[in-house]
């Protein structure tokens, strides 16, 4: 999961976002949304969430990336 998150960070950097503004975090097996007992569950657990933080700390937007 860390590798997947890092790949997304690299994509943002390649598209002009300054690296100091980005952080990649992988949660691995700690935050599954489905059981890892089935191929479909494992597929659903391979995901990335992007959080965009505003200058206003009360405004946080989470955008799930869906294939």
Protein backbone atom coordinates (compact mmCIF):
# COMPACT_ATOMS: atom_id res chain seq x y z
CA UNK A 1 0.00 0.00 0.00
CA UNK A 2 2.90 2.37 0.62
CA UNK A 3 4.19 1.70 -2.89
CA UNK A 4 0.75 2.47 -4.36
CA UNK A 5 0.51 5.71 -2.36
CA UNK A 6 4.03 6.69 -3.42
CA UNK A 7 3.12 6.09 -7.06
CA UNK A 8 0.24 8.53 -6.74
CA UNK A 9 2.54 11.12 -5.13
CA UNK A 10 4.98 10.72 -8.05
CA UNK A 11 2.09 11.24 -10.48
CA UNK A 12 1.17 14.51 -8.78
CA UNK A 13 4.81 15.65 -8.81
CA UNK A 14 5.15 14.80 -12.51
CA UNK A 15 2.08 16.97 -13.11
CA UNK A 16 3.41 20.04 -11.36
CA UNK A 17 2.49 19.68 -7.69
CA UNK A 18 5.43 20.63 -5.47
CA UNK A 19 6.78 17.62 -3.58
CA UNK A 20 6.84 19.37 -0.21
CA UNK A 21 3.05 19.60 -0.38
CA UNK A 22 2.56 15.83 -0.62
CA UNK A 23 2.73 12.91 1.78
CA UNK A 24 2.24 9.23 1.04
CA UNK A 25 0.96 6.89 3.74
CA UNK A 26 0.30 3.19 3.36
CA UNK A 27 -2.01 1.38 5.74
CA UNK A 28 -1.61 -2.13 4.33
CA UNK A 29 -3.71 -4.64 6.22
CA UNK A 30 -4.71 -2.12 8.90
CA UNK A 31 -7.67 -0.51 7.11
CA UNK A 32 -9.36 -2.94 4.73
CA UNK A 33 -12.83 -2.10 3.44
CA UNK A 34 -13.49 -5.72 2.43
CA UNK A 35 -12.31 -9.13 3.53
CA UNK A 36 -9.02 -10.23 1.99
CA UNK A 37 -10.36 -13.80 1.79
CA UNK A 38 -11.61 -13.39 -1.79
CA UNK A 39 -10.05 -12.01 -4.97
CA UNK A 40 -12.84 -9.41 -5.18
CA UNK A 41 -12.21 -8.28 -1.60
CA UNK A 42 -8.48 -7.97 -2.21
CA UNK A 43 -9.19 -6.00 -5.38
CA UNK A 44 -11.41 -3.56 -3.48
CA UNK A 45 -8.71 -3.13 -0.85
CA UNK A 46 -6.19 -2.00 -3.47
CA UNK A 47 -7.16 1.64 -3.37
CA UNK A 48 -5.83 5.13 -2.80
CA UNK A 49 -7.55 7.99 -1.02
CA UNK A 50 -6.45 11.54 -1.68
CA UNK A 51 -7.04 14.21 0.95
CA UNK A 52 -6.91 17.83 -0.14
CA UNK A 53 -6.32 20.13 2.78
CA UNK A 54 -7.41 23.73 2.69
CA UNK A 55 -5.66 26.65 4.32
CA UNK A 56 -8.74 26.56 6.54
CA UNK A 57 -8.19 23.54 8.83
CA UNK A 58 -11.95 23.05 9.16
CA UNK A 59 -12.25 22.27 5.44
CA UNK A 60 -10.97 18.82 4.47
CA UNK A 61 -12.05 17.02 1.32
CA UNK A 62 -11.42 13.34 0.71
CA UNK A 63 -11.67 12.15 -2.87
CA UNK A 64 -11.70 8.38 -3.39
CA UNK A 65 -10.15 7.28 -6.66
CA UNK A 66 -12.25 4.62 -8.34
CA UNK A 67 -11.10 2.53 -11.28
